[in-house]
Amino acid sequence: MSIQILGGLARGRTLDVPTGNLIRPTSVMLRRRLFDARQDMSGFHFYDLCSGSGSVGIEAWSRGAEALFLNEKNRQVYQVMLKNISKLKEQYSEELNQRKISTTNLDCLKFLHQFKLEYENRSSLEKMNTILFFDPPYEDHQLYLNILDQFNGFQGSWFHGEFWLESDETKGIKIKELEKLNLPIVKKYVQGTSFVAIIKETN
């Protein structure tokens, strides 16, 4: 099985997806809705906490993201992701020297902890231009809550960029549940029962 990059420099390039049910890639239509609204990712640092095959992060890189950081816990899936990056290097090696793609094979909570330590040393502009994307297995509601707990409700949080959270109304944490947490949701992109909520401190 494979999926395609929808836009930008690597438009039309195919990415491998692990066989079986190891991952659940973001649907093509939801990815299209999200990136049709955010076609130019120039200047942003994009972090994917549960990257799977890397399709969302690589989509952001293809559309100009200054740097891409992909984290995937499952070792087998991580190897597929590395192969996808190798494919990009075959055609875009010069571009990758300027706009690097970094990878880690960590539990997402551990990755977020390391990210927080690094993030504290950034300039105000770099902090604002950081995007964290979180798309875990929909059924793992506790992981959603554990991750969200790291941001202190976002208002007055240490994080000043954008947090993109993907879930599903039937399987994952629901929009109403997010709203009950008083999260500053500034935009929602919906496809079927799945959605991506854009959460950003507004003060």
N, C-alpha and C. Protein backbone atom coordinates (compact mmCIF):
# COMPACT_ATOMS: atom_id res chain seq x y z
N MET A 1 0.84 -1.20 0.00
CA MET A 1 0.00 0.00 0.00
C MET A 1 0.87 1.24 0.00
N SER A 2 0.41 2.29 -0.69
CA SER A 2 1.16 3.54 -0.72
C SER A 2 0.19 4.72 -0.73
N ILE A 3 0.69 5.88 -0.38
CA ILE A 3 -0.09 7.12 -0.43
C ILE A 3 0.75 8.18 -1.12
N GLN A 4 0.09 9.21 -1.63
CA GLN A 4 0.78 10.24 -2.39
C GLN A 4 0.83 11.56 -1.64
N ILE A 5 1.92 12.30 -1.88
CA ILE A 5 2.01 13.67 -1.42
C ILE A 5 1.11 14.51 -2.33
N LEU A 6 0.32 15.39 -1.72
CA LEU A 6 -0.73 16.09 -2.46
C LEU A 6 -0.28 17.40 -3.09
N GLY A 7 0.73 18.04 -2.53
CA GLY A 7 1.11 19.35 -3.06
C GLY A 7 2.54 19.71 -2.74
N GLY A 8 2.99 20.82 -3.33
CA GLY A 8 4.32 21.32 -3.05
C GLY A 8 5.40 20.66 -3.89
N LEU A 9 6.62 20.77 -3.41
CA LEU A 9 7.79 20.30 -4.12
C LEU A 9 7.71 18.82 -4.51
N ALA A 10 7.24 17.99 -3.59
CA ALA A 10 7.22 16.54 -3.81
C ALA A 10 5.84 16.03 -4.23
N ARG A 11 5.02 16.90 -4.78
CA ARG A 11 3.68 16.51 -5.19
C ARG A 11 3.70 15.28 -6.11
N GLY A 12 2.84 14.32 -5.80
CA GLY A 12 2.74 13.11 -6.60
C GLY A 12 3.69 12.00 -6.19
N ARG A 13 4.67 12.30 -5.34
CA ARG A 13 5.59 11.26 -4.87
C ARG A 13 4.82 10.29 -3.97
N THR A 14 5.13 9.02 -4.08
CA THR A 14 4.44 8.01 -3.28
C THR A 14 5.26 7.66 -2.04
N LEU A 15 4.54 7.37 -0.97
CA LEU A 15 5.14 6.94 0.29
C LEU A 15 4.61 5.56 0.63
N ASP A 16 5.48 4.72 1.15
CA ASP A 16 5.05 3.39 1.58
C ASP A 16 4.31 3.48 2.90
N VAL A 17 3.39 2.55 3.09
CA VAL A 17 2.63 2.43 4.33
C VAL A 17 2.77 1.01 4.84
N PRO A 18 3.03 0.80 6.13
CA PRO A 18 3.17 -0.57 6.66
C PRO A 18 1.93 -1.41 6.39
N THR A 19 2.14 -2.67 6.15
CA THR A 19 1.01 -3.58 5.93
C THR A 19 0.31 -3.87 7.26
N GLY A 20 -0.92 -4.35 7.17
CA GLY A 20 -1.65 -4.71 8.37
C GLY A 20 -2.26 -3.49 9.04
N ASN A 21 -2.47 -3.58 10.34
CA ASN A 21 -3.13 -2.51 11.08
C ASN A 21 -2.19 -1.82 12.06
N LEU A 22 -0.90 -1.74 11.70
CA LEU A 22 0.07 -1.10 12.59
C LEU A 22 -0.19 0.40 12.73
N ILE A 23 -0.68 1.02 11.66
CA ILE A 23 -0.98 2.45 11.72
C ILE A 23 -2.33 2.72 11.06
N ARG A 24 -2.82 3.92 11.27
CA ARG A 24 -4.02 4.40 10.61
C ARG A 24 -3.69 5.77 10.02
N PRO A 25 -3.25 5.81 8.77
CA PRO A 25 -2.84 7.09 8.18
C PRO A 25 -3.98 8.10 8.16
N THR A 26 -3.64 9.37 8.31
CA THR A 26 -4.63 10.44 8.12
C THR A 26 -5.22 10.29 6.72
N SER A 27 -6.54 10.34 6.63
CA SER A 27 -7.19 10.13 5.33
C SER A 27 -6.75 11.18 4.32
N VAL A 28 -6.77 10.80 3.07
CA VAL A 28 -6.37 11.71 2.00
C VAL A 28 -7.24 12.97 2.01
N MET A 29 -8.54 12.79 2.18
CA MET A 29 -9.45 13.94 2.13
C MET A 29 -9.24 14.89 3.31
N LEU A 30 -8.98 14.34 4.50
CA LEU A 30 -8.73 15.20 5.65
C LEU A 30 -7.39 15.92 5.48
N ARG A 31 -6.40 15.20 4.99
CA ARG A 31 -5.10 15.83 4.72
C ARG A 31 -5.24 16.94 3.69
N ARG A 32 -6.08 16.70 2.68
CA ARG A 32 -6.29 17.72 1.64
C ARG A 32 -6.99 18.95 2.23
N ARG A 33 -8.01 18.74 3.05
CA ARG A 33 -8.71 19.87 3.67
C ARG A 33 -7.74 20.71 4.51
N LEU A 34 -6.92 20.02 5.27
CA LEU A 34 -5.98 20.70 6.16
C LEU A 34 -4.97 21.53 5.38
N PHE A 35 -4.38 20.92 4.35
CA PHE A 35 -3.30 21.60 3.64
C PHE A 35 -3.79 22.49 2.50
N ASP A 36 -5.03 22.33 2.06
CA ASP A 36 -5.59 23.32 1.15
C ASP A 36 -5.70 24.67 1.86
N ALA A 37 -5.95 24.61 3.17
CA ALA A 37 -6.04 25.83 3.96
C ALA A 37 -4.67 26.36 4.38
N ARG A 38 -3.68 25.48 4.38
CA ARG A 38 -2.32 25.87 4.80
C ARG A 38 -1.33 25.43 3.73
N GLN A 39 -1.47 25.99 2.55
CA GLN A 39 -0.66 25.53 1.42
C GLN A 39 0.81 25.91 1.55
N ASP A 40 1.09 27.07 2.11
CA ASP A 40 2.47 27.53 2.25
C ASP A 40 2.92 27.37 3.69
N MET A 41 3.83 26.43 3.90
CA MET A 41 4.33 26.16 5.25
C MET A 41 5.72 26.76 5.48
N SER A 42 6.10 27.68 4.61
CA SER A 42 7.43 28.30 4.72
C SER A 42 7.62 28.94 6.09
N GLY A 43 8.79 28.72 6.65
CA GLY A 43 9.13 29.33 7.93
C GLY A 43 8.72 28.55 9.15
N PHE A 44 7.88 27.52 8.98
CA PHE A 44 7.41 26.75 10.13
C PHE A 44 8.34 25.57 10.42
N HIS A 45 8.46 25.24 11.70
CA HIS A 45 9.11 24.01 12.15
C HIS A 45 7.98 23.05 12.51
N PHE A 46 7.95 21.91 11.84
CA PHE A 46 6.83 20.98 11.99
C PHE A 46 7.29 19.73 12.74
N TYR A 47 6.60 19.41 13.82
CA TYR A 47 6.90 18.24 14.64
C TYR A 47 5.70 17.30 14.63
N ASP A 48 5.94 16.03 14.31
CA ASP A 48 4.87 15.02 14.33
C ASP A 48 5.19 14.01 15.43
N LEU A 49 4.36 13.97 16.46
CA LEU A 49 4.63 13.14 17.63
C LEU A 49 4.39 11.66 17.39
N CYS A 50 3.46 11.32 16.51
CA CYS A 50 3.14 9.93 16.19
C CYS A 50 3.09 9.83 14.67
N SER A 51 4.22 9.81 14.03
CA SER A 51 4.28 10.12 12.60
C SER A 51 3.90 8.98 11.67
N GLY A 52 3.88 7.74 12.14
CA GLY A 52 3.54 6.63 11.25
C GLY A 52 4.46 6.61 10.05
N SER A 53 3.89 6.61 8.86
CA SER A 53 4.70 6.59 7.64
C SER A 53 5.34 7.93 7.34
N GLY A 54 4.90 8.98 8.05
CA GLY A 54 5.47 10.31 7.85
C GLY A 54 4.69 11.17 6.89
N SER A 55 3.51 10.74 6.45
CA SER A 55 2.82 11.42 5.36
C SER A 55 2.43 12.86 5.68
N VAL A 56 1.94 13.13 6.88
CA VAL A 56 1.53 14.50 7.20
C VAL A 56 2.74 15.41 7.31
N GLY A 57 3.77 14.95 8.01
CA GLY A 57 4.97 15.76 8.14
C GLY A 57 5.65 16.01 6.81
N ILE A 58 5.74 14.98 5.99
CA ILE A 58 6.38 15.14 4.67
C ILE A 58 5.54 16.05 3.78
N GLU A 59 4.22 16.01 3.95
CA GLU A 59 3.36 16.96 3.23
C GLU A 59 3.71 18.40 3.63
N ALA A 60 3.92 18.62 4.91
CA ALA A 60 4.30 19.95 5.38
C ALA A 60 5.67 20.35 4.83
N TRP A 61 6.60 19.41 4.83
CA TRP A 61 7.94 19.69 4.28
C TRP A 61 7.86 20.00 2.79
N SER A 62 7.06 19.24 2.06
CA SER A 62 6.89 19.46 0.63
C SER A 62 6.37 20.85 0.33
N ARG A 63 5.58 21.38 1.26
CA ARG A 63 4.98 22.70 1.08
C ARG A 63 5.81 23.81 1.71
N GLY A 64 7.06 23.51 2.05
CA GLY A 64 7.99 24.56 2.43
C GLY A 64 8.40 24.64 3.88
N ALA A 65 7.95 23.71 4.75
CA ALA A 65 8.35 23.78 6.15
C ALA A 65 9.86 23.85 6.28
N GLU A 66 10.32 24.74 7.13
CA GLU A 66 11.75 24.99 7.27
C GLU A 66 12.50 23.80 7.83
N ALA A 67 11.84 23.07 8.72
CA ALA A 67 12.44 21.87 9.32
C ALA A 67 11.32 20.92 9.71
N LEU A 68 11.61 19.63 9.63
CA LEU A 68 10.64 18.59 9.95
C LEU A 68 11.24 17.60 10.94
N PHE A 69 10.46 17.29 11.97
CA PHE A 69 10.90 16.34 13.00
C PHE A 69 9.82 15.26 13.13
N LEU A 70 10.19 14.04 12.81
CA LEU A 70 9.25 12.92 12.82
C LEU A 70 9.60 11.96 13.95
N ASN A 71 8.61 11.66 14.78
CA ASN A 71 8.81 10.69 15.86
C ASN A 71 7.80 9.56 15.71
N GLU A 72 8.30 8.34 15.80
CA GLU A 72 7.44 7.16 15.72
C GLU A 72 7.94 6.12 16.71
N LYS A 73 7.04 5.66 17.58
CA LYS A 73 7.40 4.72 18.64
C LYS A 73 7.64 3.31 18.12
N ASN A 74 6.78 2.83 17.23
CA ASN A 74 6.85 1.45 16.75
C ASN A 74 8.07 1.27 15.84
N ARG A 75 8.93 0.32 16.20
CA ARG A 75 10.18 0.17 15.46
C ARG A 75 9.95 -0.26 14.01
N GLN A 76 8.99 -1.14 13.79
CA GLN A 76 8.72 -1.61 12.42
C GLN A 76 8.19 -0.47 11.55
N VAL A 77 7.29 0.32 12.10
CA VAL A 77 6.75 1.47 11.36
C VAL A 77 7.84 2.50 11.12
N TYR A 78 8.68 2.68 12.13
CA TYR A 78 9.79 3.64 12.03
C TYR A 78 10.70 3.30 10.85
N GLN A 79 10.94 2.02 10.61
CA GLN A 79 11.79 1.62 9.49
C GLN A 79 11.14 1.96 8.15
N VAL A 80 9.84 1.83 8.05
CA VAL A 80 9.13 2.21 6.82
C VAL A 80 9.26 3.71 6.61
N MET A 81 9.13 4.48 7.68
CA MET A 81 9.26 5.93 7.59
C MET A 81 10.65 6.32 7.09
N LEU A 82 11.68 5.65 7.60
CA LEU A 82 13.04 5.94 7.15
C LEU A 82 13.21 5.66 5.65
N LYS A 83 12.56 4.62 5.17
CA LYS A 83 12.62 4.31 3.73
C LYS A 83 11.96 5.41 2.92
N ASN A 84 10.88 5.97 3.43
CA ASN A 84 10.22 7.06 2.73
C ASN A 84 11.11 8.29 2.65
N ILE A 85 11.82 8.56 3.72
CA ILE A 85 12.74 9.69 3.71
C ILE A 85 13.90 9.44 2.74
N SER A 86 14.37 8.19 2.69
CA SER A 86 15.43 7.84 1.75
C SER A 86 15.00 8.09 0.31
N LYS A 87 13.74 7.82 0.01
CA LYS A 87 13.22 8.08 -1.33
C LYS A 87 13.30 9.57 -1.66
N LEU A 88 13.00 10.40 -0.68
CA LEU A 88 13.08 11.84 -0.90
C LEU A 88 14.53 12.27 -1.17
N LYS A 89 15.46 11.65 -0.46
CA LYS A 89 16.87 12.02 -0.62
C LYS A 89 17.38 11.72 -2.03
N GLU A 90 16.80 10.72 -2.66
CA GLU A 90 17.22 10.37 -4.02
C GLU A 90 16.96 11.50 -5.00
N GLN A 91 15.91 12.29 -4.76
CA GLN A 91 15.53 13.34 -5.70
C GLN A 91 15.75 14.75 -5.16
N TYR A 92 15.71 14.91 -3.82
CA TYR A 92 15.75 16.25 -3.24
C TYR A 92 16.89 16.41 -2.24
N SER A 93 18.03 15.85 -2.53
CA SER A 93 19.15 15.87 -1.58
C SER A 93 19.60 17.30 -1.27
N GLU A 94 19.66 18.14 -2.29
CA GLU A 94 20.10 19.53 -2.07
C GLU A 94 19.12 20.28 -1.19
N GLU A 95 17.82 20.09 -1.46
CA GLU A 95 16.80 20.75 -0.65
C GLU A 95 16.82 20.25 0.79
N LEU A 96 17.09 18.96 0.96
CA LEU A 96 17.13 18.39 2.31
C LEU A 96 18.34 18.87 3.10
N ASN A 97 19.38 19.30 2.42
CA ASN A 97 20.52 19.89 3.12
C ASN A 97 20.16 21.24 3.72
N GLN A 98 19.21 21.92 3.11
CA GLN A 98 18.79 23.23 3.59
C GLN A 98 17.62 23.13 4.57
N ARG A 99 16.70 22.21 4.29
CA ARG A 99 15.51 22.03 5.14
C ARG A 99 15.49 20.58 5.61
N LYS A 100 16.10 20.36 6.73
CA LYS A 100 16.40 19.00 7.18
C LYS A 100 15.17 18.29 7.74
N ILE A 101 15.20 16.97 7.59
CA ILE A 101 14.22 16.09 8.22
C ILE A 101 14.95 15.24 9.26
N SER A 102 14.51 15.34 10.51
CA SER A 102 15.11 14.58 11.61
C SER A 102 14.10 13.56 12.12
N THR A 103 14.59 12.43 12.62
CA THR A 103 13.70 11.38 13.09
C THR A 103 14.13 10.86 14.46
N THR A 104 13.14 10.41 15.23
CA THR A 104 13.41 9.75 16.51
C THR A 104 12.44 8.59 16.66
N ASN A 105 12.85 7.61 17.46
CA ASN A 105 12.09 6.38 17.69
C ASN A 105 11.78 6.28 19.19
N LEU A 106 10.88 7.19 19.65
CA LEU A 106 10.61 7.34 21.07
C LEU A 106 9.12 7.26 21.38
N ASP A 107 8.80 6.95 22.61
CA ASP A 107 7.45 7.14 23.11
C ASP A 107 7.11 8.63 22.98
N CYS A 108 5.88 8.95 22.58
CA CYS A 108 5.58 10.35 22.27
C CYS A 108 5.66 11.26 23.49
N LEU A 109 5.37 10.75 24.69
CA LEU A 109 5.49 11.57 25.89
C LEU A 109 6.95 11.90 26.18
N LYS A 110 7.84 10.93 25.95
CA LYS A 110 9.26 11.18 26.12
C LYS A 110 9.76 12.16 25.07
N PHE A 111 9.28 12.00 23.85
CA PHE A 111 9.65 12.93 22.79
C PHE A 111 9.21 14.35 23.15
N LEU A 112 7.98 14.50 23.66
CA LEU A 112 7.47 15.81 24.02
C LEU A 112 8.29 16.43 25.15
N HIS A 113 8.72 15.61 26.10
CA HIS A 113 9.56 16.11 27.18
C HIS A 113 10.88 16.66 26.64
N GLN A 114 11.52 15.94 25.74
CA GLN A 114 12.76 16.41 25.14
C GLN A 114 12.53 17.66 24.31
N PHE A 115 11.41 17.69 23.60
CA PHE A 115 11.06 18.85 22.80
C PHE A 115 10.91 20.09 23.69
N LYS A 116 10.26 19.95 24.82
CA LYS A 116 10.04 21.08 25.72
C LYS A 116 11.36 21.68 26.17
N LEU A 117 12.32 20.85 26.50
CA LEU A 117 13.62 21.35 26.94
C LEU A 117 14.31 22.14 25.83
N GLU A 118 14.20 21.65 24.61
CA GLU A 118 14.82 22.32 23.47
C GLU A 118 14.07 23.60 23.12
N TYR A 119 12.76 23.57 23.24
CA TYR A 119 11.89 24.68 22.85
C TYR A 119 12.13 25.92 23.72
N GLU A 120 12.45 25.70 24.97
CA GLU A 120 12.65 26.81 25.90
C GLU A 120 13.78 27.73 25.48
N ASN A 121 14.72 27.23 24.67
CA ASN A 121 15.87 28.03 24.25
C ASN A 121 15.64 28.76 22.93
N ARG A 122 14.44 28.68 22.37
CA ARG A 122 14.17 29.33 21.10
C ARG A 122 13.80 30.80 21.27
N SER A 123 13.94 31.53 20.18
CA SER A 123 13.49 32.92 20.16
C SER A 123 11.97 32.95 20.14
N SER A 124 11.39 34.11 20.44
CA SER A 124 9.93 34.25 20.46
C SER A 124 9.33 33.94 19.10
N LEU A 125 9.98 34.38 18.01
CA LEU A 125 9.47 34.14 16.67
C LEU A 125 9.50 32.65 16.33
N GLU A 126 10.59 31.98 16.70
CA GLU A 126 10.70 30.54 16.44
C GLU A 126 9.62 29.77 17.21
N LYS A 127 9.34 30.21 18.43
CA LYS A 127 8.31 29.54 19.23
C LYS A 127 6.94 29.67 18.56
N MET A 128 6.64 30.85 18.06
CA MET A 128 5.34 31.08 17.41
C MET A 128 5.21 30.28 16.12
N ASN A 129 6.32 30.04 15.44
CA ASN A 129 6.30 29.37 14.15
C ASN A 129 6.58 27.87 14.27
N THR A 130 6.19 27.30 15.39
CA THR A 130 6.34 25.86 15.61
C THR A 130 4.96 25.21 15.61
N ILE A 131 4.86 24.11 14.89
CA ILE A 131 3.61 23.34 14.85
C ILE A 131 3.87 21.94 15.38
N LEU A 132 3.07 21.52 16.35
CA LEU A 132 3.09 20.15 16.86
C LEU A 132 1.85 19.44 16.35
N PHE A 133 2.05 18.29 15.70
CA PHE A 133 0.92 17.50 15.20
C PHE A 133 0.83 16.22 16.00
N PHE A 134 -0.37 15.92 16.49
CA PHE A 134 -0.58 14.75 17.35
C PHE A 134 -1.73 13.93 16.81
N ASP A 135 -1.42 12.73 16.35
CA ASP A 135 -2.42 11.83 15.76
C ASP A 135 -2.15 10.41 16.23
N PRO A 136 -2.54 10.10 17.49
CA PRO A 136 -2.29 8.76 18.03
C PRO A 136 -3.39 7.80 17.59
N PRO A 137 -3.32 6.54 17.99
CA PRO A 137 -4.47 5.65 17.77
C PRO A 137 -5.71 6.29 18.39
N TYR A 138 -6.78 6.39 17.62
CA TYR A 138 -7.98 7.08 18.10
C TYR A 138 -8.48 6.53 19.44
N GLU A 139 -8.36 5.23 19.62
CA GLU A 139 -8.95 4.58 20.80
C GLU A 139 -8.20 4.90 22.10
N ASP A 140 -7.00 5.43 22.01
CA ASP A 140 -6.19 5.67 23.21
C ASP A 140 -6.54 7.01 23.83
N HIS A 141 -7.71 7.09 24.45
CA HIS A 141 -8.18 8.35 25.04
C HIS A 141 -7.25 8.85 26.13
N GLN A 142 -6.69 7.93 26.90
CA GLN A 142 -5.82 8.35 28.00
C GLN A 142 -4.56 9.02 27.47
N LEU A 143 -4.05 8.55 26.34
CA LEU A 143 -2.87 9.19 25.75
C LEU A 143 -3.20 10.62 25.32
N TYR A 144 -4.38 10.83 24.75
CA TYR A 144 -4.79 12.19 24.42
C TYR A 144 -4.73 13.08 25.66
N LEU A 145 -5.32 12.59 26.75
CA LEU A 145 -5.38 13.39 27.98
C LEU A 145 -3.99 13.60 28.56
N ASN A 146 -3.14 12.58 28.49
CA ASN A 146 -1.78 12.70 29.02
C ASN A 146 -0.98 13.76 28.26
N ILE A 147 -1.14 13.75 26.94
CA ILE A 147 -0.43 14.74 26.12
C ILE A 147 -0.96 16.15 26.39
N LEU A 148 -2.28 16.29 26.38
CA LEU A 148 -2.87 17.61 26.60
C LEU A 148 -2.51 18.16 27.97
N ASP A 149 -2.36 17.28 28.95
CA ASP A 149 -1.99 17.70 30.30
C ASP A 149 -0.62 18.38 30.34
N GLN A 150 0.23 18.08 29.38
CA GLN A 150 1.57 18.66 29.34
C GLN A 150 1.57 20.15 28.98
N PHE A 151 0.43 20.65 28.47
CA PHE A 151 0.37 22.04 28.02
C PHE A 151 -0.35 22.97 29.00
N ASN A 152 -0.71 22.47 30.16
CA ASN A 152 -1.34 23.29 31.19
C ASN A 152 -2.57 24.03 30.68
N GLY A 153 -3.36 23.36 29.82
CA GLY A 153 -4.54 23.99 29.29
C GLY A 153 -4.29 25.00 28.19
N PHE A 154 -3.03 25.22 27.83
CA PHE A 154 -2.58 26.12 26.77
C PHE A 154 -2.62 27.59 27.17
N GLN A 155 -3.66 28.06 27.80
CA GLN A 155 -3.69 29.46 28.19
C GLN A 155 -2.62 29.70 29.26
N GLY A 156 -1.66 30.55 28.94
CA GLY A 156 -0.55 30.78 29.84
C GLY A 156 0.46 29.65 29.81
N SER A 157 0.37 28.79 28.80
CA SER A 157 1.26 27.64 28.70
C SER A 157 2.66 28.04 28.27
N TRP A 158 3.59 27.11 28.40
CA TRP A 158 4.95 27.31 27.91
C TRP A 158 5.01 27.25 26.39
N PHE A 159 3.98 26.71 25.76
CA PHE A 159 3.98 26.52 24.31
C PHE A 159 3.21 27.64 23.62
N HIS A 160 3.84 28.29 22.64
CA HIS A 160 3.24 29.45 21.99
C HIS A 160 3.04 29.25 20.49
N GLY A 161 3.21 28.03 20.02
CA GLY A 161 2.98 27.75 18.61
C GLY A 161 1.58 27.22 18.38
N GLU A 162 1.45 26.34 17.39
CA GLU A 162 0.16 25.72 17.08
C GLU A 162 0.21 24.23 17.38
N PHE A 163 -0.85 23.73 17.97
CA PHE A 163 -0.97 22.31 18.26
C PHE A 163 -2.10 21.76 17.41
N TRP A 164 -1.76 20.85 16.49
CA TRP A 164 -2.77 20.24 15.62
C TRP A 164 -3.10 18.86 16.16
N LEU A 165 -4.34 18.66 16.55
CA LEU A 165 -4.77 17.39 17.16
C LEU A 165 -5.79 16.71 16.25
N GLU A 166 -5.48 15.49 15.84
CA GLU A 166 -6.42 14.72 15.03
C GLU A 166 -7.14 13.70 15.91
N SER A 167 -8.44 13.58 15.69
CA SER A 167 -9.23 12.59 16.42
C SER A 167 -10.44 12.21 15.57
N ASP A 168 -11.33 11.46 16.19
CA ASP A 168 -12.51 10.97 15.49
C ASP A 168 -13.69 10.98 16.46
N GLU A 169 -14.83 11.47 15.99
CA GLU A 169 -16.00 11.61 16.86
C GLU A 169 -16.56 10.28 17.35
N THR A 170 -16.32 9.20 16.62
CA THR A 170 -16.87 7.90 17.01
C THR A 170 -15.86 7.05 17.78
N LYS A 171 -14.56 7.22 17.50
CA LYS A 171 -13.56 6.35 18.10
C LYS A 171 -12.64 7.08 19.07
N GLY A 172 -12.35 8.34 18.79
CA GLY A 172 -11.36 9.07 19.57
C GLY A 172 -11.99 10.04 20.56
N ILE A 173 -11.18 10.95 21.06
CA ILE A 173 -11.67 12.00 21.95
C ILE A 173 -12.50 12.97 21.11
N LYS A 174 -13.65 13.36 21.61
CA LYS A 174 -14.61 14.15 20.84
C LYS A 174 -14.34 15.65 20.98
N ILE A 175 -14.83 16.43 20.03
CA ILE A 175 -14.66 17.88 20.08
C ILE A 175 -15.27 18.44 21.36
N LYS A 176 -16.44 17.93 21.77
CA LYS A 176 -17.07 18.42 22.99
C LYS A 176 -16.19 18.17 24.21
N GLU A 177 -15.48 17.04 24.22
CA GLU A 177 -14.56 16.75 25.32
C GLU A 177 -13.41 17.74 25.35
N LEU A 178 -12.91 18.09 24.16
CA LEU A 178 -11.84 19.08 24.08
C LEU A 178 -12.32 20.44 24.56
N GLU A 179 -13.55 20.80 24.18
CA GLU A 179 -14.10 22.09 24.58
C GLU A 179 -14.31 22.16 26.09
N LYS A 180 -14.64 21.03 26.71
CA LYS A 180 -14.81 21.00 28.16
C LYS A 180 -13.50 21.25 28.88
N LEU A 181 -12.38 20.98 28.20
CA LEU A 181 -11.06 21.23 28.78
C LEU A 181 -10.64 22.69 28.60
N ASN A 182 -11.55 23.50 28.03
CA ASN A 182 -11.30 24.94 27.80
C ASN A 182 -10.07 25.18 26.94
N LEU A 183 -9.90 24.31 25.95
CA LEU A 183 -8.77 24.48 25.04
C LEU A 183 -9.08 25.58 24.02
N PRO A 184 -8.11 26.42 23.69
CA PRO A 184 -8.33 27.49 22.71
C PRO A 184 -8.31 26.96 21.28
N ILE A 185 -9.42 26.33 20.86
CA ILE A 185 -9.53 25.80 19.50
C ILE A 185 -9.89 26.94 18.56
N VAL A 186 -8.99 27.25 17.63
CA VAL A 186 -9.21 28.39 16.74
C VAL A 186 -9.77 27.96 15.39
N LYS A 187 -9.68 26.65 15.07
CA LYS A 187 -10.17 26.17 13.78
C LYS A 187 -10.32 24.66 13.84
N LYS A 188 -11.32 24.14 13.09
CA LYS A 188 -11.49 22.69 12.98
C LYS A 188 -11.63 22.33 11.51
N TYR A 189 -10.94 21.28 11.10
CA TYR A 189 -11.07 20.74 9.75
C TYR A 189 -11.70 19.36 9.89
N VAL A 190 -12.82 19.14 9.22
CA VAL A 190 -13.61 17.93 9.42
C VAL A 190 -13.77 17.18 8.10
N GLN A 191 -13.61 15.86 8.18
CA GLN A 191 -13.89 14.99 7.04
C GLN A 191 -14.57 13.74 7.58
N GLY A 192 -15.87 13.59 7.29
CA GLY A 192 -16.60 12.48 7.88
C GLY A 192 -16.67 12.65 9.38
N THR A 193 -16.28 11.62 10.11
CA THR A 193 -16.28 11.71 11.57
C THR A 193 -14.91 12.13 12.12
N SER A 194 -13.90 12.18 11.26
CA SER A 194 -12.55 12.56 11.69
C SER A 194 -12.38 14.07 11.60
N PHE A 195 -11.48 14.59 12.42
CA PHE A 195 -11.23 16.04 12.40
C PHE A 195 -9.81 16.34 12.88
N VAL A 196 -9.34 17.51 12.50
CA VAL A 196 -8.12 18.06 13.06
C VAL A 196 -8.49 19.39 13.72
N ALA A 197 -8.23 19.51 15.01
CA ALA A 197 -8.48 20.75 15.74
C ALA A 197 -7.18 21.53 15.85
N ILE A 198 -7.22 22.80 15.50
CA ILE A 198 -6.04 23.67 15.62
C ILE A 198 -6.17 24.41 16.95
N ILE A 199 -5.25 24.15 17.84
CA ILE A 199 -5.27 24.72 19.19
C ILE A 199 -4.11 25.69 19.32
N LYS A 200 -4.42 26.91 19.75
CA LYS A 200 -3.39 27.94 19.81
C LYS A 200 -3.72 28.94 20.89
N GLU A 201 -2.72 29.28 21.70
CA GLU A 201 -2.90 30.31 22.72
C GLU A 201 -3.25 31.63 22.04
N THR A 202 -4.30 32.27 22.52
CA THR A 202 -4.79 33.46 21.85
C THR A 202 -4.41 34.76 22.56
N ASN A 203 -3.86 34.68 23.74
CA ASN A 203 -3.49 35.91 24.47
C ASN A 203 -2.19 36.48 23.94
